[in-house]
Amino acid sequence: MVGGIRSALSGLGAAGGQMANTANNVANINSEGFKKGRVLQAEQRPQGVSTVVEKVETPGAYVVEDTSQGQALFEKSNVDLTEEMPQMMVNQHSYNANLKTLQVADEMTASLLDIKA
């Protein structure tokens, strides 16, 4: 039962990290030259999930803007809301699933203690 709790806590941390990365991407959608982050998750031994954030180096859209010295070409961020919003929903479901696992483990522990008492 402790292993399940450890896995759920690890999953909560991973989902929280994923949500923080997605929030950072959305917050910087209008920042010139911003490169979005992508969270990679991997199995962690003996139980759990490890996360690593990597930058996605694909170029953003280029736009021509007026400056004090004339027109200049600027690169916008490579963040796409049509990718980020579904990812936020997946993150929320992952967080809720891991939270439910913790709740069930808590209920099972309480039932076991009631039986032993």
PDB file of N, CA and C in Angstrom:
ATOM      1  N   MET A   1       0.821  -1.191   0.000  1.00  0.00           N
ATOM      2  CA  MET A   1       0.000   0.000   0.000  1.00  0.00           C
ATOM      3  C   MET A   1       0.866   1.257   0.000  1.00  0.00           C
ATOM      4  N   VAL A   2       2.014   1.210   0.689  1.00  0.00           N
ATOM      5  CA  VAL A   2       2.915   2.357   0.732  1.00  0.00           C
ATOM      6  C   VAL A   2       3.460   2.649  -0.663  1.00  0.00           C
ATOM      7  N   GLY A   3       3.718   1.596  -1.439  1.00  0.00           N
ATOM      8  CA  GLY A   3       4.206   1.785  -2.803  1.00  0.00           C
ATOM      9  C   GLY A   3       3.202   2.531  -3.662  1.00  0.00           C
ATOM     10  N   GLY A   4       1.919   2.216  -3.485  1.00  0.00           N
ATOM     11  CA  GLY A   4       0.876   2.915  -4.236  1.00  0.00           C
ATOM     12  C   GLY A   4       0.803   4.382  -3.868  1.00  0.00           C
ATOM     13  N   ILE A   5       1.002   4.665  -2.583  1.00  0.00           N
ATOM     14  CA  ILE A   5       0.990   6.061  -2.134  1.00  0.00           C
ATOM     15  C   ILE A   5       2.191   6.798  -2.717  1.00  0.00           C
ATOM     16  N   ARG A   6       3.353   6.145  -2.691  1.00  0.00           N
ATOM     17  CA  ARG A   6       4.559   6.760  -3.252  1.00  0.00           C
ATOM     18  C   ARG A   6       4.381   7.038  -4.744  1.00  0.00           C
ATOM     19  N   SER A   7       3.788   6.099  -5.464  1.00  0.00           N
ATOM     20  CA  SER A   7       3.554   6.292  -6.894  1.00  0.00           C
ATOM     21  C   SER A   7       2.587   7.438  -7.151  1.00  0.00           C
ATOM     22  N   ALA A   8       1.521   7.501  -6.345  1.00  0.00           N
ATOM     23  CA  ALA A   8       0.534   8.571  -6.521  1.00  0.00           C
ATOM     24  C   ALA A   8       1.148   9.935  -6.213  1.00  0.00           C
ATOM     25  N   LEU A   9       1.964  10.019  -5.168  1.00  0.00           N
ATOM     26  CA  LEU A   9       2.622  11.290  -4.841  1.00  0.00           C
ATOM     27  C   LEU A   9       3.581  11.708  -5.948  1.00  0.00           C
ATOM     28  N   SER A  10       4.289  10.741  -6.511  1.00  0.00           N
ATOM     29  CA  SER A  10       5.180  11.025  -7.626  1.00  0.00           C
ATOM     30  C   SER A  10       4.381  11.513  -8.836  1.00  0.00           C
ATOM     31  N   GLY A  11       3.237  10.877  -9.088  1.00  0.00           N
ATOM     32  CA  GLY A  11       2.365  11.285 -10.186  1.00  0.00           C
ATOM     33  C   GLY A  11       1.805  12.681  -9.987  1.00  0.00           C
ATOM     34  N   LEU A  12       1.466  13.022  -8.739  1.00  0.00           N
ATOM     35  CA  LEU A  12       0.992  14.376  -8.442  1.00  0.00           C
ATOM     36  C   LEU A  12       2.072  15.404  -8.747  1.00  0.00           C
ATOM     37  N   GLY A  13       3.302  15.083  -8.346  1.00  0.00           N
ATOM     38  CA  GLY A  13       4.411  15.992  -8.634  1.00  0.00           C
ATOM     39  C   GLY A  13       4.641  16.155 -10.126  1.00  0.00           C
ATOM     40  N   ALA A  14       4.559  15.055 -10.858  1.00  0.00           N
ATOM     41  CA  ALA A  14       4.756  15.107 -12.309  1.00  0.00           C
ATOM     42  C   ALA A  14       3.651  15.911 -12.987  1.00  0.00           C
ATOM     43  N   ALA A  15       2.409  15.700 -12.559  1.00  0.00           N
ATOM     44  CA  ALA A  15       1.285  16.451 -13.132  1.00  0.00           C
ATOM     45  C   ALA A  15       1.407  17.937 -12.794  1.00  0.00           C
ATOM     46  N   GLY A  16       1.862  18.233 -11.571  1.00  0.00           N
ATOM     47  CA  GLY A  16       2.063  19.625 -11.194  1.00  0.00           C
ATOM     48  C   GLY A  16       3.156  20.291 -12.009  1.00  0.00           C
ATOM     49  N   GLY A  17       4.241  19.564 -12.254  1.00  0.00           N
ATOM     50  CA  GLY A  17       5.317  20.091 -13.100  1.00  0.00           C
ATOM     51  C   GLY A  17       4.864  20.320 -14.523  1.00  0.00           C
ATOM     52  N   GLN A  18       4.065  19.402 -15.028  1.00  0.00           N
ATOM     53  CA  GLN A  18       3.519  19.534 -16.387  1.00  0.00           C
ATOM     54  C   GLN A  18       2.611  20.762 -16.480  1.00  0.00           C
ATOM     55  N   MET A  19       1.788  20.962 -15.442  1.00  0.00           N
ATOM     56  CA  MET A  19       0.884  22.109 -15.434  1.00  0.00           C
ATOM     57  C   MET A  19       1.674  23.417 -15.341  1.00  0.00           C
ATOM     58  N   ALA A  20       2.729  23.436 -14.525  1.00  0.00           N
ATOM     59  CA  ALA A  20       3.563  24.641 -14.414  1.00  0.00           C
ATOM     60  C   ALA A  20       4.223  24.978 -15.749  1.00  0.00           C
ATOM     61  N   ASN A  21       4.689  23.957 -16.456  1.00  0.00           N
ATOM     62  CA  ASN A  21       5.304  24.179 -17.759  1.00  0.00           C
ATOM     63  C   ASN A  21       4.281  24.719 -18.760  1.00  0.00           C
ATOM     64  N   THR A  22       3.097  24.138 -18.775  1.00  0.00           N
ATOM     65  CA  THR A  22       2.050  24.604 -19.692  1.00  0.00           C
ATOM     66  C   THR A  22       1.656  26.041 -19.373  1.00  0.00           C
ATOM     67  N   ALA A  23       1.536  26.364 -18.081  1.00  0.00           N
ATOM     68  CA  ALA A  23       1.195  27.732 -17.673  1.00  0.00           C
ATOM     69  C   ALA A  23       2.294  28.702 -18.114  1.00  0.00           C
ATOM     70  N   ASN A  24       3.560  28.299 -17.993  1.00  0.00           N
ATOM     71  CA  ASN A  24       4.664  29.147 -18.435  1.00  0.00           C
ATOM     72  C   ASN A  24       4.608  29.371 -19.943  1.00  0.00           C
ATOM     73  N   ASN A  25       4.298  28.326 -20.693  1.00  0.00           N
ATOM     74  CA  ASN A  25       4.179  28.465 -22.145  1.00  0.00           C
ATOM     75  C   ASN A  25       3.084  29.459 -22.513  1.00  0.00           C
ATOM     76  N   VAL A  26       1.919  29.310 -21.886  1.00  0.00           N
ATOM     77  CA  VAL A  26       0.783  30.189 -22.203  1.00  0.00           C
ATOM     78  C   VAL A  26       1.086  31.626 -21.782  1.00  0.00           C
ATOM     79  N   ALA A  27       1.729  31.801 -20.632  1.00  0.00           N
ATOM     80  CA  ALA A  27       2.045  33.145 -20.146  1.00  0.00           C
ATOM     81  C   ALA A  27       3.011  33.872 -21.077  1.00  0.00           C
ATOM     82  N   ASN A  28       3.833  33.131 -21.793  1.00  0.00           N
ATOM     83  CA  ASN A  28       4.837  33.742 -22.668  1.00  0.00           C
ATOM     84  C   ASN A  28       4.475  33.661 -24.143  1.00  0.00           C
ATOM     85  N   ILE A  29       3.207  33.471 -24.436  1.00  0.00           N
ATOM     86  CA  ILE A  29       2.795  33.295 -25.832  1.00  0.00           C
ATOM     87  C   ILE A  29       3.106  34.526 -26.687  1.00  0.00           C
ATOM     88  N   ASN A  30       3.119  35.698 -26.079  1.00  0.00           N
ATOM     89  CA  ASN A  30       3.394  36.925 -26.835  1.00  0.00           C
ATOM     90  C   ASN A  30       4.805  37.449 -26.632  1.00  0.00           C
ATOM     91  N   SER A  31       5.672  36.679 -25.996  1.00  0.00           N
ATOM     92  CA  SER A  31       7.066  37.093 -25.792  1.00  0.00           C
ATOM     93  C   SER A  31       7.871  36.809 -27.049  1.00  0.00           C
ATOM     94  N   GLU A  32       8.571  37.825 -27.528  1.00  0.00           N
ATOM     95  CA  GLU A  32       9.364  37.653 -28.749  1.00  0.00           C
ATOM     96  C   GLU A  32      10.458  36.619 -28.531  1.00  0.00           C
ATOM     97  N   GLY A  33      10.557  35.672 -29.447  1.00  0.00           N
ATOM     98  CA  GLY A  33      11.622  34.686 -29.431  1.00  0.00           C
ATOM     99  C   GLY A  33      11.506  33.615 -28.362  1.00  0.00           C
ATOM    100  N   PHE A  34      10.417  33.599 -27.599  1.00  0.00           N
ATOM    101  CA  PHE A  34      10.261  32.593 -26.536  1.00  0.00           C
ATOM    102  C   PHE A  34      10.144  31.205 -27.153  1.00  0.00           C
ATOM    103  N   LYS A  35      10.860  30.243 -26.568  1.00  0.00           N
ATOM    104  CA  LYS A  35      10.790  28.843 -26.996  1.00  0.00           C
ATOM    105  C   LYS A  35      10.041  28.059 -25.926  1.00  0.00           C
ATOM    106  N   LYS A  36       8.987  27.382 -26.344  1.00  0.00           N
ATOM    107  CA  LYS A  36       8.166  26.635 -25.390  1.00  0.00           C
ATOM    108  C   LYS A  36       8.931  25.459 -24.808  1.00  0.00           C
ATOM    109  N   GLY A  37       8.485  25.053 -23.625  1.00  0.00           N
ATOM    110  CA  GLY A  37       9.057  23.888 -22.983  1.00  0.00           C
ATOM    111  C   GLY A  37       8.160  22.678 -23.199  1.00  0.00           C
ATOM    112  N   ARG A  38       8.772  21.515 -23.151  1.00  0.00           N
ATOM    113  CA  ARG A  38       8.036  20.260 -23.260  1.00  0.00           C
ATOM    114  C   ARG A  38       8.512  19.372 -22.115  1.00  0.00           C
ATOM    115  N   VAL A  39       7.560  18.759 -21.411  1.00  0.00           N
ATOM    116  CA  VAL A  39       7.899  17.910 -20.276  1.00  0.00           C
ATOM    117  C   VAL A  39       7.955  16.466 -20.744  1.00  0.00           C
ATOM    118  N   LEU A  40       9.076  15.822 -20.468  1.00  0.00           N
ATOM    119  CA  LEU A  40       9.238  14.402 -20.771  1.00  0.00           C
ATOM    120  C   LEU A  40       9.148  13.642 -19.458  1.00  0.00           C
ATOM    121  N   GLN A  41       8.320  12.617 -19.439  1.00  0.00           N
ATOM    122  CA  GLN A  41       8.154  11.814 -18.235  1.00  0.00           C
ATOM    123  C   GLN A  41       8.697  10.416 -18.493  1.00  0.00           C
ATOM    124  N   ALA A  42       9.314   9.865 -17.450  1.00  0.00           N
ATOM    125  CA  ALA A  42       9.881   8.523 -17.561  1.00  0.00           C
ATOM    126  C   ALA A  42       9.627   7.765 -16.269  1.00  0.00           C
ATOM    127  N   GLU A  43       9.623   6.448 -16.382  1.00  0.00           N
ATOM    128  CA  GLU A  43       9.457   5.600 -15.212  1.00  0.00           C
ATOM    129  C   GLU A  43      10.646   5.786 -14.278  1.00  0.00           C
ATOM    130  N   GLN A  44      10.350   5.833 -13.004  1.00  0.00           N
ATOM    131  CA  GLN A  44      11.387   5.966 -11.992  1.00  0.00           C
ATOM    132  C   GLN A  44      11.391   4.704 -11.150  1.00  0.00           C
ATOM    133  N   ARG A  45      12.550   4.169 -10.868  1.00  0.00           N
ATOM    134  CA  ARG A  45      12.653   2.942 -10.079  1.00  0.00           C
ATOM    135  C   ARG A  45      12.797   3.273  -8.616  1.00  0.00           C
ATOM    136  N   PRO A  46      12.185   2.596  -7.685  1.00  0.00           N
ATOM    137  CA  PRO A  46      11.356   1.418  -7.862  1.00  0.00           C
ATOM    138  C   PRO A  46       9.932   1.765  -8.294  1.00  0.00           C
ATOM    139  N   GLN A  47       9.451   2.958  -7.935  1.00  0.00           N
ATOM    140  CA  GLN A  47       8.094   3.341  -8.335  1.00  0.00           C
ATOM    141  C   GLN A  47       8.070   4.840  -8.544  1.00  0.00           C
ATOM    142  N   GLY A  48       7.251   5.288  -9.481  1.00  0.00           N
ATOM    143  CA  GLY A  48       7.067   6.716  -9.660  1.00  0.00           C
ATOM    144  C   GLY A  48       7.364   7.188 -11.066  1.00  0.00           C
ATOM    145  N   VAL A  49       7.412   8.508 -11.168  1.00  0.00           N
ATOM    146  CA  VAL A  49       7.602   9.172 -12.449  1.00  0.00           C
ATOM    147  C   VAL A  49       8.654  10.267 -12.270  1.00  0.00           C
ATOM    148  N   SER A  50       9.602  10.336 -13.188  1.00  0.00           N
ATOM    149  CA  SER A  50      10.544  11.446 -13.191  1.00  0.00           C
ATOM    150  C   SER A  50      10.205  12.342 -14.377  1.00  0.00           C
ATOM    151  N   THR A  51      10.465  13.632 -14.221  1.00  0.00           N
ATOM    152  CA  THR A  51      10.156  14.584 -15.287  1.00  0.00           C
ATOM    153  C   THR A  51      11.385  15.409 -15.629  1.00  0.00           C
ATOM    154  N   VAL A  52      11.496  15.744 -16.890  1.00  0.00           N
ATOM    155  CA  VAL A  52      12.556  16.607 -17.391  1.00  0.00           C
ATOM    156  C   VAL A  52      11.905  17.586 -18.362  1.00  0.00           C
ATOM    157  N   VAL A  53      12.236  18.873 -18.233  1.00  0.00           N
ATOM    158  CA  VAL A  53      11.717  19.887 -19.149  1.00  0.00           C
ATOM    159  C   VAL A  53      12.796  20.185 -20.184  1.00  0.00           C
ATOM    160  N   GLU A  54      12.406  20.131 -21.443  1.00  0.00           N
ATOM    161  CA  GLU A  54      13.343  20.496 -22.513  1.00  0.00           C
ATOM    162  C   GLU A  54      12.714  21.598 -23.356  1.00  0.00           C
ATOM    163  N   LYS A  55      13.547  22.442 -23.913  1.00  0.00           N
ATOM    164  CA  LYS A  55      13.074  23.515 -24.791  1.00  0.00           C
ATOM    165  C   LYS A  55      12.867  22.967 -26.195  1.00  0.00           C
ATOM    166  N   VAL A  56      11.786  23.410 -26.821  1.00  0.00           N
ATOM    167  CA  VAL A  56      11.500  23.042 -28.207  1.00  0.00           C
ATOM    168  C   VAL A  56      12.042  24.160 -29.078  1.00  0.00           C
ATOM    169  N   GLU A  57      13.042  23.851 -29.871  1.00  0.00           N
ATOM    170  CA  GLU A  57      13.775  24.882 -30.611  1.00  0.00           C
ATOM    171  C   GLU A  57      13.190  25.208 -31.989  1.00  0.00           C
ATOM    172  N   THR A  58      12.001  24.741 -32.298  1.00  0.00           N
ATOM    173  CA  THR A  58      11.406  25.098 -33.586  1.00  0.00           C
ATOM    174  C   THR A  58      11.170  26.604 -33.620  1.00  0.00           C
ATOM    175  N   PRO A  59      11.355  27.221 -34.767  1.00  0.00           N
ATOM    176  CA  PRO A  59      11.182  28.676 -34.823  1.00  0.00           C
ATOM    177  C   PRO A  59       9.712  29.074 -34.730  1.00  0.00           C
ATOM    178  N   GLY A  60       9.495  30.261 -34.180  1.00  0.00           N
ATOM    179  CA  GLY A  60       8.145  30.823 -34.151  1.00  0.00           C
ATOM    180  C   GLY A  60       7.891  31.574 -35.449  1.00  0.00           C
ATOM    181  N   ALA A  61       6.721  32.158 -35.544  1.00  0.00           N
ATOM    182  CA  ALA A  61       6.380  32.933 -36.738  1.00  0.00           C
ATOM    183  C   ALA A  61       7.219  34.208 -36.781  1.00  0.00           C
ATOM    184  N   TYR A  62       7.561  34.641 -37.986  1.00  0.00           N
ATOM    185  CA  TYR A  62       8.299  35.892 -38.163  1.00  0.00           C
ATOM    186  C   TYR A  62       7.328  36.970 -38.614  1.00  0.00           C
ATOM    187  N   VAL A  63       7.466  38.151 -38.022  1.00  0.00           N
ATOM    188  CA  VAL A  63       6.617  39.284 -38.387  1.00  0.00           C
ATOM    189  C   VAL A  63       7.489  40.519 -38.607  1.00  0.00           C
ATOM    190  N   VAL A  64       7.013  41.407 -39.442  1.00  0.00           N
ATOM    191  CA  VAL A  64       7.694  42.678 -39.689  1.00  0.00           C
ATOM    192  C   VAL A  64       7.028  43.720 -38.806  1.00  0.00           C
ATOM    193  N   GLU A  65       7.840  44.431 -38.024  1.00  0.00           N
ATOM    194  CA  GLU A  65       7.317  45.467 -37.140  1.00  0.00           C
ATOM    195  C   GLU A  65       8.085  46.760 -37.374  1.00  0.00           C
ATOM    196  N   ASP A  66       7.388  47.867 -37.142  1.00  0.00           N
ATOM    197  CA  ASP A  66       8.020  49.180 -37.259  1.00  0.00           C
ATOM    198  C   ASP A  66       8.800  49.485 -35.990  1.00  0.00           C
ATOM    199  N   THR A  67      10.010  49.949 -36.156  1.00  0.00           N
ATOM    200  CA  THR A  67      10.847  50.361 -35.035  1.00  0.00           C
ATOM    201  C   THR A  67      11.289  51.804 -35.283  1.00  0.00           C
ATOM    202  N   SER A  68      12.047  52.344 -34.353  1.00  0.00           N
ATOM    203  CA  SER A  68      12.532  53.719 -34.513  1.00  0.00           C
ATOM    204  C   SER A  68      13.533  53.826 -35.669  1.00  0.00           C
ATOM    205  N   GLN A  69      14.136  52.719 -36.077  1.00  0.00           N
ATOM    206  CA  GLN A  69      15.094  52.722 -37.190  1.00  0.00           C
ATOM    207  C   GLN A  69      14.485  52.159 -38.474  1.00  0.00           C
ATOM    208  N   GLY A  70      13.177  52.048 -38.527  1.00  0.00           N
ATOM    209  CA  GLY A  70      12.514  51.513 -39.712  1.00  0.00           C
ATOM    210  C   GLY A  70      11.864  50.176 -39.398  1.00  0.00           C
ATOM    211  N   GLN A  71      11.701  49.374 -40.420  1.00  0.00           N
ATOM    212  CA  GLN A  71      11.074  48.074 -40.209  1.00  0.00           C
ATOM    213  C   GLN A  71      12.114  47.008 -39.904  1.00  0.00           C
ATOM    214  N   ALA A  72      11.714  46.055 -39.038  1.00  0.00           N
ATOM    215  CA  ALA A  72      12.617  44.972 -38.667  1.00  0.00           C
ATOM    216  C   ALA A  72      11.825  43.674 -38.586  1.00  0.00           C
ATOM    217  N   LEU A  73      12.530  42.575 -38.784  1.00  0.00           N
ATOM    218  CA  LEU A  73      11.930  41.251 -38.737  1.00  0.00           C
ATOM    219  C   LEU A  73      12.126  40.673 -37.337  1.00  0.00           C
ATOM    220  N   PHE A  74      11.031  40.254 -36.692  1.00  0.00           N
ATOM    221  CA  PHE A  74      11.086  39.697 -35.344  1.00  0.00           C
ATOM    222  C   PHE A  74      10.468  38.303 -35.333  1.00  0.00           C
ATOM    223  N   GLU A  75      11.073  37.425 -34.517  1.00  0.00           N
ATOM    224  CA  GLU A  75      10.527  36.080 -34.337  1.00  0.00           C
ATOM    225  C   GLU A  75       9.604  36.074 -33.121  1.00  0.00           C
ATOM    226  N   LYS A  76       8.401  35.604 -33.300  1.00  0.00           N
ATOM    227  CA  LYS A  76       7.454  35.460 -32.194  1.00  0.00           C
ATOM    228  C   LYS A  76       7.702  34.130 -31.491  1.00  0.00           C
ATOM    229  N   SER A  77       6.951  33.854 -30.441  1.00  0.00           N
ATOM    230  CA  SER A  77       7.124  32.586 -29.718  1.00  0.00           C
ATOM    231  C   SER A  77       6.609  31.425 -30.568  1.00  0.00           C
ATOM    232  N   ASN A  78       7.051  30.235 -30.225  1.00  0.00           N
ATOM    233  CA  ASN A  78       6.590  29.039 -30.941  1.00  0.00           C
ATOM    234  C   ASN A  78       5.468  28.319 -30.192  1.00  0.00           C
ATOM    235  N   VAL A  79       4.812  29.027 -29.262  1.00  0.00           N
ATOM    236  CA  VAL A  79       3.719  28.447 -28.477  1.00  0.00           C
ATOM    237  C   VAL A  79       2.438  28.464 -29.306  1.00  0.00           C
ATOM    238  N   ASP A  80       1.725  27.343 -29.302  1.00  0.00           N
ATOM    239  CA  ASP A  80       0.463  27.211 -30.028  1.00  0.00           C
ATOM    240  C   ASP A  80      -0.626  26.848 -29.024  1.00  0.00           C
ATOM    241  N   LEU A  81      -1.607  27.730 -28.854  1.00  0.00           N
ATOM    242  CA  LEU A  81      -2.677  27.480 -27.883  1.00  0.00           C
ATOM    243  C   LEU A  81      -3.480  26.232 -28.199  1.00  0.00           C
ATOM    244  N   THR A  82      -3.560  25.859 -29.473  1.00  0.00           N
ATOM    245  CA  THR A  82      -4.318  24.648 -29.815  1.00  0.00           C
ATOM    246  C   THR A  82      -3.614  23.388 -29.313  1.00  0.00           C
ATOM    247  N   GLU A  83      -2.339  23.489 -28.945  1.00  0.00           N
ATOM    248  CA  GLU A  83      -1.632  22.373 -28.319  1.00  0.00           C
ATOM    249  C   GLU A  83      -1.668  22.492 -26.797  1.00  0.00           C
ATOM    250  N   GLU A  84      -1.581  23.711 -26.295  1.00  0.00           N
ATOM    251  CA  GLU A  84      -1.451  23.922 -24.855  1.00  0.00           C
ATOM    252  C   GLU A  84      -2.762  23.682 -24.098  1.00  0.00           C
ATOM    253  N   MET A  85      -3.878  24.083 -24.647  1.00  0.00           N
ATOM    254  CA  MET A  85      -5.149  23.931 -23.928  1.00  0.00           C
ATOM    255  C   MET A  85      -5.538  22.462 -23.727  1.00  0.00           C
ATOM    256  N   PRO A  86      -5.445  21.611 -24.751  1.00  0.00           N
ATOM    257  CA  PRO A  86      -5.713  20.179 -24.497  1.00  0.00           C
ATOM    258  C   PRO A  86      -4.721  19.576 -23.496  1.00  0.00           C
ATOM    259  N   GLN A  87      -3.464  20.036 -23.533  1.00  0.00           N
ATOM    260  CA  GLN A  87      -2.476  19.536 -22.585  1.00  0.00           C
ATOM    261  C   GLN A  87      -2.866  19.905 -21.155  1.00  0.00           C
ATOM    262  N   MET A  88      -3.433  21.089 -20.968  1.00  0.00           N
ATOM    263  CA  MET A  88      -3.906  21.493 -19.635  1.00  0.00           C
ATOM    264  C   MET A  88      -5.008  20.553 -19.140  1.00  0.00           C
ATOM    265  N   MET A  89      -5.890  20.154 -20.035  1.00  0.00           N
ATOM    266  CA  MET A  89      -6.960  19.233 -19.644  1.00  0.00           C
ATOM    267  C   MET A  89      -6.394  17.858 -19.281  1.00  0.00           C
ATOM    268  N   VAL A  90      -5.426  17.370 -20.049  1.00  0.00           N
ATOM    269  CA  VAL A  90      -4.780  16.091 -19.736  1.00  0.00           C
ATOM    270  C   VAL A  90      -4.087  16.179 -18.379  1.00  0.00           C
ATOM    271  N   ASN A  91      -3.404  17.295 -18.123  1.00  0.00           N
ATOM    272  CA  ASN A  91      -2.727  17.493 -16.839  1.00  0.00           C
ATOM    273  C   ASN A  91      -3.716  17.457 -15.681  1.00  0.00           C
ATOM    274  N   GLN A  92      -4.851  18.107 -15.868  1.00  0.00           N
ATOM    275  CA  GLN A  92      -5.872  18.140 -14.815  1.00  0.00           C
ATOM    276  C   GLN A  92      -6.392  16.735 -14.526  1.00  0.00           C
ATOM    277  N   HIS A  93      -6.661  15.964 -15.553  1.00  0.00           N
ATOM    278  CA  HIS A  93      -7.155  14.598 -15.352  1.00  0.00           C
ATOM    279  C   HIS A  93      -6.096  13.712 -14.689  1.00  0.00           C
ATOM    280  N   SER A  94      -4.847  13.893 -15.073  1.00  0.00           N
ATOM    281  CA  SER A  94      -3.763  13.139 -14.458  1.00  0.00           C
ATOM    282  C   SER A  94      -3.636  13.485 -12.981  1.00  0.00           C
ATOM    283  N   TYR A  95      -3.705  14.751 -12.656  1.00  0.00           N
ATOM    284  CA  TYR A  95      -3.627  15.189 -11.263  1.00  0.00           C
ATOM    285  C   TYR A  95      -4.788  14.594 -10.459  1.00  0.00           C
ATOM    286  N   ASN A  96      -6.003  14.687 -11.021  1.00  0.00           N
ATOM    287  CA  ASN A  96      -7.189  14.159 -10.327  1.00  0.00           C
ATOM    288  C   ASN A  96      -7.110  12.643 -10.133  1.00  0.00           C
ATOM    289  N   ALA A  97      -6.589  11.927 -11.112  1.00  0.00           N
ATOM    290  CA  ALA A  97      -6.471  10.466 -10.998  1.00  0.00           C
ATOM    291  C   ALA A  97      -5.501  10.087  -9.886  1.00  0.00           C
ATOM    292  N   ASN A  98      -4.382  10.786  -9.803  1.00  0.00           N
ATOM    293  CA  ASN A  98      -3.416  10.503  -8.743  1.00  0.00           C
ATOM    294  C   ASN A  98      -3.956  10.908  -7.378  1.00  0.00           C
ATOM    295  N   LEU A  99      -4.704  11.984  -7.336  1.00  0.00           N
ATOM    296  CA  LEU A  99      -5.327  12.408  -6.082  1.00  0.00           C
ATOM    297  C   LEU A  99      -6.353  11.378  -5.616  1.00  0.00           C
ATOM    298  N   LYS A 100      -7.119  10.830  -6.541  1.00  0.00           N
ATOM    299  CA  LYS A 100      -8.098   9.798  -6.205  1.00  0.00           C
ATOM    300  C   LYS A 100      -7.400   8.545  -5.672  1.00  0.00           C
ATOM    301  N   THR A 101      -6.255   8.208  -6.231  1.00  0.00           N
ATOM    302  CA  THR A 101      -5.480   7.068  -5.730  1.00  0.00           C
ATOM    303  C   THR A 101      -5.098   7.281  -4.277  1.00  0.00           C
ATOM    304  N   LEU A 102      -4.674   8.484  -3.933  1.00  0.00           N
ATOM    305  CA  LEU A 102      -4.335   8.795  -2.539  1.00  0.00           C
ATOM    306  C   LEU A 102      -5.561   8.697  -1.628  1.00  0.00           C
ATOM    307  N   GLN A 103      -6.692   9.169  -2.110  1.00  0.00           N
ATOM    308  CA  GLN A 103      -7.917   9.101  -1.317  1.00  0.00           C
ATOM    309  C   GLN A 103      -8.322   7.655  -1.056  1.00  0.00           C
ATOM    310  N   VAL A 104      -8.221   6.806  -2.056  1.00  0.00           N
ATOM    311  CA  VAL A 104      -8.567   5.388  -1.896  1.00  0.00           C
ATOM    312  C   VAL A 104      -7.602   4.717  -0.924  1.00  0.00           C
ATOM    313  N   ALA A 105      -6.314   5.023  -1.029  1.00  0.00           N
ATOM    314  CA  ALA A 105      -5.332   4.456  -0.101  1.00  0.00           C
ATOM    315  C   ALA A 105      -5.638   4.890   1.330  1.00  0.00           C
ATOM    316  N   ASP A 106      -6.046   6.128   1.507  1.00  0.00           N
ATOM    317  CA  ASP A 106      -6.413   6.633   2.831  1.00  0.00           C
ATOM    318  C   ASP A 106      -7.636   5.891   3.374  1.00  0.00           C
ATOM    319  N   GLU A 107      -8.629   5.687   2.520  1.00  0.00           N
ATOM    320  CA  GLU A 107      -9.826   4.959   2.941  1.00  0.00           C
ATOM    321  C   GLU A 107      -9.503   3.509   3.289  1.00  0.00           C
ATOM    322  N   MET A 108      -8.631   2.887   2.502  1.00  0.00           N
ATOM    323  CA  MET A 108      -8.247   1.506   2.774  1.00  0.00           C
ATOM    324  C   MET A 108      -7.498   1.409   4.101  1.00  0.00           C
ATOM    325  N   THR A 109      -6.614   2.360   4.366  1.00  0.00           N
ATOM    326  CA  THR A 109      -5.881   2.372   5.626  1.00  0.00           C
ATOM    327  C   THR A 109      -6.831   2.542   6.804  1.00  0.00           C
ATOM    328  N   ALA A 110      -7.802   3.443   6.658  1.00  0.00           N
ATOM    329  CA  ALA A 110      -8.777   3.655   7.731  1.00  0.00           C
ATOM    330  C   ALA A 110      -9.598   2.384   7.966  1.00  0.00           C
ATOM    331  N   SER A 111     -10.009   1.700   6.905  1.00  0.00           N
ATOM    332  CA  SER A 111     -10.770   0.461   7.049  1.00  0.00           C
ATOM    333  C   SER A 111      -9.938  -0.621   7.741  1.00  0.00           C
ATOM    334  N   LEU A 112      -8.663  -0.714   7.365  1.00  0.00           N
ATOM    335  CA  LEU A 112      -7.775  -1.691   7.976  1.00  0.00           C
ATOM    336  C   LEU A 112      -7.605  -1.413   9.460  1.00  0.00           C
ATOM    337  N   LEU A 113      -7.448  -0.159   9.829  1.00  0.00           N
ATOM    338  CA  LEU A 113      -7.324   0.190  11.242  1.00  0.00           C
ATOM    339  C   LEU A 113      -8.597  -0.091  12.010  1.00  0.00           C
ATOM    340  N   ASP A 114      -9.748   0.124  11.369  1.00  0.00           N
ATOM    341  CA  ASP A 114     -11.035  -0.204  12.013  1.00  0.00           C
ATOM    342  C   ASP A 114     -11.153  -1.693  12.255  1.00  0.00           C
ATOM    343  N   ILE A 115     -10.718  -2.492  11.293  1.00  0.00           N
ATOM    344  CA  ILE A 115     -10.793  -3.947  11.435  1.00  0.00           C
ATOM    345  C   ILE A 115      -9.856  -4.419  12.549  1.00  0.00           C
ATOM    346  N   LYS A 116      -8.658  -3.861  12.614  1.00  0.00           N
ATOM    347  CA  LYS A 116      -7.674  -4.258  13.626  1.00  0.00           C
ATOM    348  C   LYS A 116      -8.084  -3.798  15.032  1.00  0.00           C
ATOM    349  N   ALA A 117      -8.845  -2.709  15.118  1.00  0.00           N
ATOM    350  CA  ALA A 117      -9.203  -2.163  16.446  1.00  0.00           C
ATOM    351  C   ALA A 117     -10.255  -2.930  17.121  1.00  0.00           C
TER     352      ALA A 117
END
